[in-house]
Amino acid sequence: MNRCLLSSLVAAPLLAAAMTCAAQITLPQVQTAMTAPKVGQRPFPSHAQFGILRIDQVPNAQINGQAIRTAPGFRLFSPDNKLIFAHTVQSQELKVAYVLEASTQWLLTAWILTPEELASFKAKR
């Protein structure tokens, strides 16, 4: 009989702990709404450069007429800060802010600029 009493003493706290964990898992998760950045207020890195980007065929591209490769993790952002596929703007000349990968000097990230950002970027540089 002691064995049954002992197992019920051990099982009760374990059952309570399991129910507590299950209750925490099923609670609704509160998500904060992400707001889109306002026009002209995208946070560009301090080392971002300005140039005219032309994507020939990934991974080949040109910045200001100079051949450059896109990095394997290359990201291209539209003027409304959405990620877009590079092949959708192939052969177009885009005014961009861009960042090169430090060790390879390949194109890592580019942001297609809005007219307001373009004016602001030229004024800063």
N, C-alpha and C. Protein backbone atom coordinates (compact mmCIF):
# COMPACT_ATOMS: atom_id res chain seq x y z
N MET A 1 0.81 -1.18 0.00
CA MET A 1 0.00 0.00 0.00
C MET A 1 0.86 1.26 0.00
N ASN A 2 2.01 1.20 0.63
CA ASN A 2 2.88 2.37 0.65
C ASN A 2 3.34 2.74 -0.77
N ARG A 3 3.50 1.70 -1.58
CA ARG A 3 3.94 1.96 -2.94
C ARG A 3 2.90 2.79 -3.70
N CYS A 4 1.64 2.50 -3.57
CA CYS A 4 0.57 3.24 -4.23
C CYS A 4 0.49 4.66 -3.70
N LEU A 5 0.66 4.82 -2.40
CA LEU A 5 0.63 6.15 -1.80
C LEU A 5 1.80 6.98 -2.30
N LEU A 6 2.98 6.36 -2.39
CA LEU A 6 4.16 7.05 -2.86
C LEU A 6 4.01 7.47 -4.32
N SER A 7 3.49 6.57 -5.16
CA SER A 7 3.34 6.92 -6.57
C SER A 7 2.32 8.02 -6.77
N SER A 8 1.28 8.07 -5.95
CA SER A 8 0.31 9.14 -6.09
C SER A 8 0.87 10.46 -5.60
N LEU A 9 1.78 10.42 -4.62
CA LEU A 9 2.42 11.64 -4.14
C LEU A 9 3.37 12.21 -5.20
N VAL A 10 4.01 11.33 -5.96
CA VAL A 10 4.93 11.76 -7.01
C VAL A 10 4.14 12.16 -8.26
N ALA A 11 3.08 11.43 -8.57
CA ALA A 11 2.33 11.68 -9.79
C ALA A 11 1.55 12.98 -9.74
N ALA A 12 1.03 13.35 -8.59
CA ALA A 12 0.22 14.57 -8.48
C ALA A 12 1.00 15.82 -8.87
N PRO A 13 2.22 16.05 -8.33
CA PRO A 13 2.96 17.24 -8.76
C PRO A 13 3.37 17.20 -10.23
N LEU A 14 3.71 16.02 -10.73
CA LEU A 14 4.06 15.90 -12.15
C LEU A 14 2.88 16.22 -13.04
N LEU A 15 1.71 15.74 -12.67
CA LEU A 15 0.50 16.03 -13.42
C LEU A 15 0.19 17.52 -13.39
N ALA A 16 0.35 18.15 -12.23
CA ALA A 16 0.11 19.59 -12.11
C ALA A 16 1.10 20.38 -12.97
N ALA A 17 2.36 19.96 -12.98
CA ALA A 17 3.37 20.65 -13.79
C ALA A 17 3.05 20.50 -15.28
N ALA A 18 2.64 19.30 -15.67
CA ALA A 18 2.30 19.07 -17.08
C ALA A 18 1.10 19.91 -17.50
N MET A 19 0.11 20.02 -16.63
CA MET A 19 -1.07 20.82 -16.96
C MET A 19 -0.72 22.30 -17.05
N THR A 20 0.19 22.75 -16.19
CA THR A 20 0.62 24.15 -16.23
C THR A 20 1.33 24.44 -17.54
N CYS A 21 2.23 23.53 -17.95
CA CYS A 21 2.94 23.73 -19.22
C CYS A 21 1.97 23.73 -20.39
N ALA A 22 1.02 22.82 -20.37
CA ALA A 22 0.03 22.75 -21.45
C ALA A 22 -0.80 24.02 -21.50
N ALA A 23 -1.13 24.57 -20.36
CA ALA A 23 -1.93 25.79 -20.31
C ALA A 23 -1.12 26.96 -20.87
N GLN A 24 0.17 26.98 -20.60
CA GLN A 24 1.00 28.07 -21.10
C GLN A 24 1.18 27.97 -22.61
N ILE A 25 1.25 26.78 -23.12
CA ILE A 25 1.43 26.60 -24.55
C ILE A 25 0.19 27.02 -25.31
N THR A 26 -0.98 26.76 -24.77
CA THR A 26 -2.21 27.05 -25.49
C THR A 26 -2.70 28.48 -25.32
N LEU A 27 -2.03 29.27 -24.48
CA LEU A 27 -2.43 30.67 -24.34
C LEU A 27 -2.19 31.38 -25.65
N PRO A 28 -3.07 32.29 -26.05
CA PRO A 28 -2.85 33.00 -27.30
C PRO A 28 -1.61 33.89 -27.20
N GLN A 29 -0.86 33.89 -28.26
CA GLN A 29 0.35 34.69 -28.31
C GLN A 29 -0.02 36.11 -28.75
N VAL A 30 0.46 37.08 -28.04
CA VAL A 30 0.20 38.46 -28.38
C VAL A 30 1.27 38.91 -29.37
N GLN A 31 0.85 39.38 -30.52
CA GLN A 31 1.79 39.85 -31.52
C GLN A 31 1.67 41.36 -31.65
N THR A 32 2.81 41.98 -31.74
CA THR A 32 2.79 43.42 -31.94
C THR A 32 2.74 43.69 -33.44
N ALA A 33 1.98 44.66 -33.82
CA ALA A 33 1.86 45.01 -35.24
C ALA A 33 3.13 45.69 -35.70
N MET A 34 3.64 45.23 -36.82
CA MET A 34 4.82 45.87 -37.39
C MET A 34 4.35 46.97 -38.31
N THR A 35 4.85 48.14 -38.09
CA THR A 35 4.46 49.25 -38.94
C THR A 35 5.50 49.44 -40.02
N ALA A 36 5.04 49.72 -41.19
CA ALA A 36 5.96 49.98 -42.30
C ALA A 36 6.65 51.32 -42.07
N PRO A 37 7.92 51.39 -42.41
CA PRO A 37 8.61 52.66 -42.23
C PRO A 37 8.02 53.73 -43.13
N LYS A 38 8.04 54.94 -42.66
CA LYS A 38 7.52 56.05 -43.45
C LYS A 38 8.49 56.36 -44.59
N VAL A 39 7.97 56.97 -45.61
CA VAL A 39 8.77 57.29 -46.78
C VAL A 39 9.96 58.15 -46.36
N GLY A 40 11.12 57.75 -46.82
CA GLY A 40 12.32 58.51 -46.51
C GLY A 40 12.90 58.23 -45.14
N GLN A 41 12.35 57.27 -44.42
CA GLN A 41 12.85 57.02 -43.07
C GLN A 41 13.38 55.60 -42.90
N ARG A 42 13.81 54.98 -43.97
CA ARG A 42 14.41 53.65 -43.82
C ARG A 42 15.78 53.81 -43.19
N PRO A 43 16.12 52.94 -42.28
CA PRO A 43 17.42 53.05 -41.61
C PRO A 43 18.53 52.40 -42.43
N PHE A 44 19.24 53.18 -43.22
CA PHE A 44 20.35 52.66 -44.00
C PHE A 44 21.59 52.59 -43.12
N PRO A 45 22.43 51.58 -43.31
CA PRO A 45 23.68 51.52 -42.54
C PRO A 45 24.55 52.73 -42.86
N SER A 46 25.40 53.09 -41.93
CA SER A 46 26.26 54.27 -42.13
C SER A 46 27.26 54.06 -43.27
N HIS A 47 27.61 52.82 -43.55
CA HIS A 47 28.58 52.53 -44.61
C HIS A 47 27.91 52.25 -45.97
N ALA A 48 26.62 52.50 -46.08
CA ALA A 48 25.92 52.31 -47.36
C ALA A 48 26.41 53.33 -48.37
N GLN A 49 26.49 52.89 -49.61
CA GLN A 49 26.94 53.75 -50.70
C GLN A 49 25.79 53.96 -51.67
N PHE A 50 25.92 54.96 -52.52
CA PHE A 50 24.91 55.25 -53.54
C PHE A 50 25.44 54.83 -54.89
N GLY A 51 24.55 54.29 -55.73
CA GLY A 51 24.98 53.93 -57.07
C GLY A 51 23.81 53.56 -57.95
N ILE A 52 24.12 53.30 -59.21
CA ILE A 52 23.12 52.85 -60.16
C ILE A 52 23.38 51.37 -60.41
N LEU A 53 22.40 50.56 -60.05
CA LEU A 53 22.52 49.11 -60.13
C LEU A 53 21.82 48.61 -61.38
N ARG A 54 22.50 47.71 -62.07
CA ARG A 54 21.90 47.02 -63.21
C ARG A 54 22.21 45.54 -63.02
N ILE A 55 21.17 44.74 -62.90
CA ILE A 55 21.34 43.30 -62.72
C ILE A 55 21.28 42.66 -64.10
N ASP A 56 22.41 42.06 -64.51
CA ASP A 56 22.47 41.42 -65.83
C ASP A 56 21.77 40.06 -65.76
N GLN A 57 22.37 39.14 -65.06
CA GLN A 57 21.77 37.84 -64.79
C GLN A 57 22.46 37.35 -63.52
N VAL A 58 21.66 37.12 -62.50
CA VAL A 58 22.21 36.77 -61.19
C VAL A 58 23.16 35.58 -61.36
N PRO A 59 24.39 35.67 -60.87
CA PRO A 59 24.94 36.61 -59.89
C PRO A 59 25.68 37.79 -60.50
N ASN A 60 25.56 38.03 -61.77
CA ASN A 60 26.29 39.13 -62.40
C ASN A 60 25.47 40.41 -62.38
N ALA A 61 26.13 41.50 -62.01
CA ALA A 61 25.46 42.80 -61.95
C ALA A 61 26.49 43.89 -62.24
N GLN A 62 26.02 45.11 -62.28
CA GLN A 62 26.90 46.27 -62.47
C GLN A 62 26.49 47.36 -61.50
N ILE A 63 27.48 47.99 -60.90
CA ILE A 63 27.26 49.19 -60.08
C ILE A 63 28.03 50.31 -60.75
N ASN A 64 27.34 51.35 -61.16
CA ASN A 64 27.95 52.49 -61.84
C ASN A 64 28.81 52.03 -63.02
N GLY A 65 28.36 51.01 -63.76
CA GLY A 65 29.07 50.53 -64.93
C GLY A 65 30.18 49.53 -64.65
N GLN A 66 30.51 49.30 -63.38
CA GLN A 66 31.57 48.36 -63.01
C GLN A 66 30.95 47.00 -62.69
N ALA A 67 31.53 45.95 -63.24
CA ALA A 67 31.01 44.60 -63.01
C ALA A 67 31.18 44.22 -61.53
N ILE A 68 30.18 43.54 -61.00
CA ILE A 68 30.20 43.09 -59.61
C ILE A 68 29.35 41.83 -59.52
N ARG A 69 29.66 40.97 -58.56
CA ARG A 69 28.85 39.77 -58.32
C ARG A 69 27.94 40.01 -57.14
N THR A 70 26.80 39.37 -57.17
CA THR A 70 25.92 39.41 -56.01
C THR A 70 26.32 38.27 -55.07
N ALA A 71 26.28 38.54 -53.79
CA ALA A 71 26.60 37.54 -52.79
C ALA A 71 25.51 36.47 -52.76
N PRO A 72 25.83 35.26 -52.28
CA PRO A 72 24.80 34.22 -52.20
C PRO A 72 23.57 34.64 -51.40
N GLY A 73 23.73 35.49 -50.41
CA GLY A 73 22.60 35.95 -49.61
C GLY A 73 22.10 37.32 -50.02
N PHE A 74 22.29 37.68 -51.27
CA PHE A 74 21.91 39.01 -51.75
C PHE A 74 20.43 39.30 -51.51
N ARG A 75 20.16 40.51 -50.97
CA ARG A 75 18.78 40.93 -50.73
C ARG A 75 18.56 42.26 -51.44
N LEU A 76 17.42 42.37 -52.11
CA LEU A 76 17.05 43.58 -52.82
C LEU A 76 15.70 44.04 -52.29
N PHE A 77 15.66 45.29 -51.82
CA PHE A 77 14.44 45.84 -51.23
C PHE A 77 13.82 46.86 -52.17
N SER A 78 12.51 46.80 -52.32
CA SER A 78 11.76 47.74 -53.15
C SER A 78 11.66 49.08 -52.41
N PRO A 79 11.15 50.12 -53.08
CA PRO A 79 11.01 51.42 -52.41
C PRO A 79 10.10 51.38 -51.18
N ASP A 80 9.16 50.43 -51.13
CA ASP A 80 8.33 50.32 -49.93
C ASP A 80 8.87 49.29 -48.95
N ASN A 81 10.17 48.98 -49.08
CA ASN A 81 10.94 48.16 -48.15
C ASN A 81 10.49 46.70 -48.12
N LYS A 82 10.00 46.20 -49.23
CA LYS A 82 9.65 44.78 -49.34
C LYS A 82 10.75 44.07 -50.11
N LEU A 83 11.03 42.85 -49.70
CA LEU A 83 12.03 42.05 -50.38
C LEU A 83 11.51 41.63 -51.74
N ILE A 84 12.32 41.84 -52.78
CA ILE A 84 11.90 41.45 -54.13
C ILE A 84 12.96 40.56 -54.76
N PHE A 85 12.55 39.77 -55.73
CA PHE A 85 13.48 38.92 -56.45
C PHE A 85 14.29 39.76 -57.44
N ALA A 86 15.58 39.49 -57.50
CA ALA A 86 16.46 40.27 -58.37
C ALA A 86 16.10 40.08 -59.84
N HIS A 87 15.65 38.91 -60.23
CA HIS A 87 15.35 38.68 -61.65
C HIS A 87 14.15 39.50 -62.14
N THR A 88 13.33 40.01 -61.22
CA THR A 88 12.17 40.78 -61.65
C THR A 88 12.54 42.18 -62.13
N VAL A 89 13.74 42.63 -61.80
CA VAL A 89 14.19 43.95 -62.24
C VAL A 89 15.43 43.84 -63.12
N GLN A 90 15.60 42.67 -63.72
CA GLN A 90 16.76 42.42 -64.56
C GLN A 90 16.80 43.40 -65.72
N SER A 91 17.97 43.90 -66.04
CA SER A 91 18.26 44.83 -67.14
C SER A 91 17.70 46.23 -66.92
N GLN A 92 17.20 46.54 -65.74
CA GLN A 92 16.73 47.89 -65.43
C GLN A 92 17.83 48.64 -64.67
N GLU A 93 17.91 49.94 -64.89
CA GLU A 93 18.84 50.76 -64.12
C GLU A 93 18.11 51.29 -62.90
N LEU A 94 18.62 50.93 -61.74
CA LEU A 94 17.97 51.29 -60.47
C LEU A 94 18.90 52.16 -59.64
N LYS A 95 18.36 53.24 -59.13
CA LYS A 95 19.12 54.08 -58.21
C LYS A 95 18.98 53.48 -56.82
N VAL A 96 20.10 53.04 -56.27
CA VAL A 96 20.06 52.27 -55.03
C VAL A 96 21.08 52.78 -54.01
N ALA A 97 20.79 52.44 -52.76
CA ALA A 97 21.79 52.47 -51.70
C ALA A 97 22.22 51.02 -51.57
N TYR A 98 23.49 50.77 -51.40
CA TYR A 98 23.93 49.38 -51.37
C TYR A 98 25.06 49.17 -50.36
N VAL A 99 25.22 47.91 -49.98
CA VAL A 99 26.27 47.51 -49.05
C VAL A 99 27.00 46.33 -49.67
N LEU A 100 28.34 46.38 -49.61
CA LEU A 100 29.15 45.28 -50.11
C LEU A 100 29.54 44.37 -48.96
N GLU A 101 29.70 43.09 -49.25
CA GLU A 101 30.17 42.13 -48.25
C GLU A 101 31.64 42.43 -47.99
N ALA A 102 32.05 42.46 -46.74
CA ALA A 102 33.37 42.95 -46.36
C ALA A 102 34.53 42.14 -46.95
N SER A 103 34.48 40.84 -46.89
CA SER A 103 35.64 40.06 -47.30
C SER A 103 35.72 39.83 -48.81
N THR A 104 34.59 39.68 -49.48
CA THR A 104 34.60 39.38 -50.92
C THR A 104 34.34 40.59 -51.80
N GLN A 105 33.80 41.65 -51.21
CA GLN A 105 33.40 42.85 -51.96
C GLN A 105 32.30 42.55 -52.97
N TRP A 106 31.49 41.54 -52.68
CA TRP A 106 30.31 41.23 -53.49
C TRP A 106 29.14 42.04 -52.97
N LEU A 107 28.16 42.25 -53.83
CA LEU A 107 26.97 43.02 -53.47
C LEU A 107 26.10 42.21 -52.51
N LEU A 108 25.91 42.71 -51.31
CA LEU A 108 25.19 41.97 -50.28
C LEU A 108 23.74 42.43 -50.15
N THR A 109 23.52 43.75 -50.08
CA THR A 109 22.17 44.29 -49.90
C THR A 109 22.04 45.56 -50.73
N ALA A 110 20.85 45.75 -51.32
CA ALA A 110 20.57 46.98 -52.06
C ALA A 110 19.14 47.40 -51.79
N TRP A 111 18.95 48.70 -51.66
CA TRP A 111 17.63 49.28 -51.44
C TRP A 111 17.34 50.20 -52.63
N ILE A 112 16.25 49.95 -53.34
CA ILE A 112 15.85 50.85 -54.42
C ILE A 112 15.30 52.10 -53.76
N LEU A 113 15.84 53.25 -54.12
CA LEU A 113 15.52 54.50 -53.43
C LEU A 113 14.28 55.18 -53.99
N THR A 114 13.54 55.81 -53.11
CA THR A 114 12.44 56.67 -53.51
C THR A 114 13.05 58.02 -53.90
N PRO A 115 12.32 58.88 -54.61
CA PRO A 115 12.86 60.19 -54.96
C PRO A 115 13.30 61.00 -53.72
N GLU A 116 12.53 60.90 -52.63
CA GLU A 116 12.88 61.64 -51.41
C GLU A 116 14.18 61.11 -50.81
N GLU A 117 14.32 59.78 -50.78
CA GLU A 117 15.53 59.18 -50.24
C GLU A 117 16.73 59.50 -51.12
N LEU A 118 16.52 59.51 -52.43
CA LEU A 118 17.57 59.83 -53.37
C LEU A 118 18.10 61.25 -53.12
N ALA A 119 17.20 62.19 -52.95
CA ALA A 119 17.61 63.57 -52.68
C ALA A 119 18.33 63.67 -51.35
N SER A 120 17.81 62.99 -50.35
CA SER A 120 18.43 62.99 -49.03
C SER A 120 19.79 62.33 -49.06
N PHE A 121 19.91 61.23 -49.78
CA PHE A 121 21.16 60.48 -49.85
C PHE A 121 22.24 61.30 -50.56
N LYS A 122 21.86 61.98 -51.63
CA LYS A 122 22.82 62.81 -52.36
C LYS A 122 23.26 63.99 -51.52
N ALA A 123 22.35 64.54 -50.72
CA ALA A 123 22.68 65.69 -49.88
C ALA A 123 23.67 65.30 -48.79
N LYS A 124 23.55 64.10 -48.25
CA LYS A 124 24.44 63.63 -47.19
C LYS A 124 25.82 63.31 -47.71
N ARG A 125 25.91 62.81 -48.91
CA ARG A 125 27.18 62.31 -49.43
C ARG A 125 27.91 63.37 -50.15
